[in-house]
Amino acid sequence: MRLKDWAISQGIHQQSAYKWFKDGTLPAPAQRVGPKIVIVNPEDSVSNRRPWPVRTGVLP
C-alpha cells in the first residue's frame, strides 16, 4: 500500500504521514521503494482508525 493511500485511510494528510516517515515516527512499518514510500503491512500499524475524533455538527 502506498503511503498516500494509507494516510487517506487513516484520515491523515499525506504530508503529515511523509513527515512522520522522515522522522521515524510513522505508526506503521514502511520503506522506500524507488521514488515511492510503501507501507509494508498496513495491519501492523498501531491503530487502524483515525488518530483523533472527527467533529460533526455545530460547535457551541
N, C-alpha and C. Protein backbone atom coordinates (compact mmCIF):
# COMPACT_ATOMS: atom_id res chain seq x y z
N MET A 1 0.85 -1.17 0.00
CA MET A 1 0.00 0.00 0.00
C MET A 1 0.90 1.23 0.00
N ARG A 2 0.56 2.21 -0.83
CA ARG A 2 1.36 3.44 -0.88
C ARG A 2 1.08 4.29 0.36
N LEU A 3 2.06 5.09 0.72
CA LEU A 3 1.94 5.96 1.89
C LEU A 3 0.73 6.89 1.75
N LYS A 4 0.54 7.44 0.56
CA LYS A 4 -0.59 8.35 0.31
C LYS A 4 -1.92 7.64 0.60
N ASP A 5 -2.09 6.43 0.10
CA ASP A 5 -3.33 5.68 0.31
C ASP A 5 -3.53 5.34 1.78
N TRP A 6 -2.44 4.97 2.46
CA TRP A 6 -2.53 4.66 3.88
C TRP A 6 -2.96 5.89 4.66
N ALA A 7 -2.35 7.05 4.34
CA ALA A 7 -2.69 8.29 5.04
C ALA A 7 -4.16 8.63 4.86
N ILE A 8 -4.66 8.51 3.66
CA ILE A 8 -6.08 8.79 3.40
C ILE A 8 -6.96 7.85 4.21
N SER A 9 -6.60 6.58 4.26
CA SER A 9 -7.42 5.61 5.00
C SER A 9 -7.42 5.88 6.50
N GLN A 10 -6.35 6.54 7.00
CA GLN A 10 -6.25 6.85 8.42
C GLN A 10 -6.79 8.24 8.75
N GLY A 11 -7.16 9.01 7.72
CA GLY A 11 -7.67 10.35 7.95
C GLY A 11 -6.55 11.34 8.26
N ILE A 12 -5.36 11.06 7.75
CA ILE A 12 -4.18 11.89 7.98
C ILE A 12 -3.78 12.51 6.66
N HIS A 13 -3.32 13.75 6.68
CA HIS A 13 -2.84 14.37 5.45
C HIS A 13 -1.56 13.68 5.02
N GLN A 14 -1.40 13.51 3.71
CA GLN A 14 -0.23 12.77 3.22
C GLN A 14 1.09 13.44 3.56
N GLN A 15 1.10 14.77 3.68
CA GLN A 15 2.34 15.45 4.05
C GLN A 15 2.71 15.16 5.50
N SER A 16 1.69 15.03 6.37
CA SER A 16 1.97 14.66 7.76
C SER A 16 2.56 13.25 7.82
N ALA A 17 1.97 12.33 7.06
CA ALA A 17 2.48 10.96 7.04
C ALA A 17 3.91 10.92 6.51
N TYR A 18 4.22 11.71 5.49
CA TYR A 18 5.58 11.75 4.95
C TYR A 18 6.56 12.29 6.00
N LYS A 19 6.14 13.33 6.72
CA LYS A 19 7.00 13.89 7.77
C LYS A 19 7.25 12.85 8.85
N TRP A 20 6.21 12.13 9.24
CA TRP A 20 6.37 11.07 10.24
C TRP A 20 7.35 10.01 9.73
N PHE A 21 7.23 9.67 8.44
CA PHE A 21 8.15 8.69 7.85
C PHE A 21 9.58 9.18 7.95
N LYS A 22 9.82 10.45 7.56
CA LYS A 22 11.17 11.02 7.62
C LYS A 22 11.69 11.07 9.04
N ASP A 23 10.81 11.38 10.02
CA ASP A 23 11.21 11.48 11.42
C ASP A 23 11.34 10.12 12.10
N GLY A 24 10.85 9.07 11.43
CA GLY A 24 10.90 7.74 12.02
C GLY A 24 9.81 7.48 13.03
N THR A 25 8.73 8.27 12.98
CA THR A 25 7.64 8.11 13.95
C THR A 25 6.34 7.60 13.31
N LEU A 26 6.39 7.17 12.07
CA LEU A 26 5.20 6.64 11.40
C LEU A 26 4.74 5.39 12.15
N PRO A 27 3.45 5.31 12.53
CA PRO A 27 3.00 4.17 13.35
C PRO A 27 2.71 2.91 12.53
N ALA A 28 3.42 2.72 11.43
CA ALA A 28 3.29 1.52 10.62
C ALA A 28 4.64 1.25 9.97
N PRO A 29 4.99 -0.02 9.78
CA PRO A 29 6.27 -0.31 9.13
C PRO A 29 6.23 0.12 7.67
N ALA A 30 7.23 0.90 7.24
CA ALA A 30 7.27 1.40 5.87
C ALA A 30 8.70 1.43 5.38
N GLN A 31 8.84 1.42 4.08
CA GLN A 31 10.17 1.53 3.48
C GLN A 31 10.06 2.23 2.15
N ARG A 32 11.15 2.82 1.72
CA ARG A 32 11.19 3.49 0.42
C ARG A 32 11.49 2.43 -0.64
N VAL A 33 10.67 2.43 -1.70
CA VAL A 33 10.86 1.54 -2.83
C VAL A 33 10.95 2.43 -4.06
N GLY A 34 12.16 2.70 -4.49
CA GLY A 34 12.37 3.64 -5.58
C GLY A 34 11.93 5.02 -5.12
N PRO A 35 11.13 5.70 -5.94
CA PRO A 35 10.68 7.04 -5.55
C PRO A 35 9.47 7.04 -4.62
N LYS A 36 8.90 5.88 -4.36
CA LYS A 36 7.68 5.80 -3.55
C LYS A 36 7.98 5.24 -2.16
N ILE A 37 7.10 5.58 -1.23
CA ILE A 37 7.18 5.03 0.12
C ILE A 37 6.03 4.04 0.25
N VAL A 38 6.34 2.84 0.67
CA VAL A 38 5.35 1.77 0.73
C VAL A 38 5.18 1.31 2.18
N ILE A 39 3.92 1.22 2.62
CA ILE A 39 3.62 0.63 3.92
C ILE A 39 3.74 -0.88 3.74
N VAL A 40 4.63 -1.49 4.51
CA VAL A 40 4.92 -2.91 4.32
C VAL A 40 3.71 -3.76 4.67
N ASN A 41 3.13 -3.53 5.82
CA ASN A 41 1.97 -4.32 6.24
C ASN A 41 1.02 -3.39 6.99
N PRO A 42 -0.03 -2.87 6.32
CA PRO A 42 -0.93 -1.92 6.97
C PRO A 42 -1.59 -2.45 8.23
N GLU A 43 -1.76 -3.77 8.33
CA GLU A 43 -2.40 -4.35 9.51
C GLU A 43 -1.52 -4.24 10.74
N ASP A 44 -0.22 -4.01 10.55
CA ASP A 44 0.70 -3.87 11.68
C ASP A 44 0.75 -2.47 12.25
N SER A 45 -0.03 -1.55 11.66
CA SER A 45 0.00 -0.18 12.17
C SER A 45 -0.57 -0.16 13.58
N VAL A 46 -0.13 0.82 14.36
CA VAL A 46 -0.52 0.92 15.76
C VAL A 46 -2.03 1.03 15.88
N SER A 47 -2.63 1.77 15.00
CA SER A 47 -4.07 1.98 15.06
C SER A 47 -4.63 1.89 13.65
N ASN A 48 -5.69 1.16 13.48
CA ASN A 48 -6.35 1.08 12.18
C ASN A 48 -7.55 1.99 12.15
N ARG A 49 -7.49 3.07 12.89
CA ARG A 49 -8.57 4.04 12.89
C ARG A 49 -7.97 5.43 12.92
N ARG A 50 -8.83 6.42 12.79
CA ARG A 50 -8.34 7.79 12.82
C ARG A 50 -7.75 8.10 14.19
N PRO A 51 -6.64 8.84 14.22
CA PRO A 51 -5.99 9.10 15.50
C PRO A 51 -6.69 10.15 16.35
N TRP A 52 -7.70 10.79 15.82
CA TRP A 52 -8.44 11.80 16.59
C TRP A 52 -9.90 11.72 16.18
N PRO A 53 -10.82 12.11 17.04
CA PRO A 53 -12.24 12.07 16.68
C PRO A 53 -12.57 13.13 15.65
N VAL A 54 -13.46 12.78 14.77
CA VAL A 54 -13.91 13.72 13.74
C VAL A 54 -15.08 14.50 14.29
N ARG A 55 -14.99 15.83 14.22
CA ARG A 55 -16.08 16.67 14.72
C ARG A 55 -17.23 16.65 13.73
N THR A 56 -18.42 16.50 14.26
CA THR A 56 -19.61 16.58 13.45
C THR A 56 -20.58 17.54 14.10
N GLY A 57 -21.43 18.13 13.33
CA GLY A 57 -22.41 19.04 13.90
C GLY A 57 -21.86 20.44 14.10
N VAL A 58 -22.61 21.23 14.82
CA VAL A 58 -22.25 22.62 15.04
C VAL A 58 -21.56 22.77 16.40
N LEU A 59 -20.49 23.52 16.42
CA LEU A 59 -19.81 23.76 17.70
C LEU A 59 -20.59 24.80 18.50
N PRO A 60 -20.57 24.70 19.84
CA PRO A 60 -21.32 25.65 20.67
C PRO A 60 -20.76 27.05 20.60
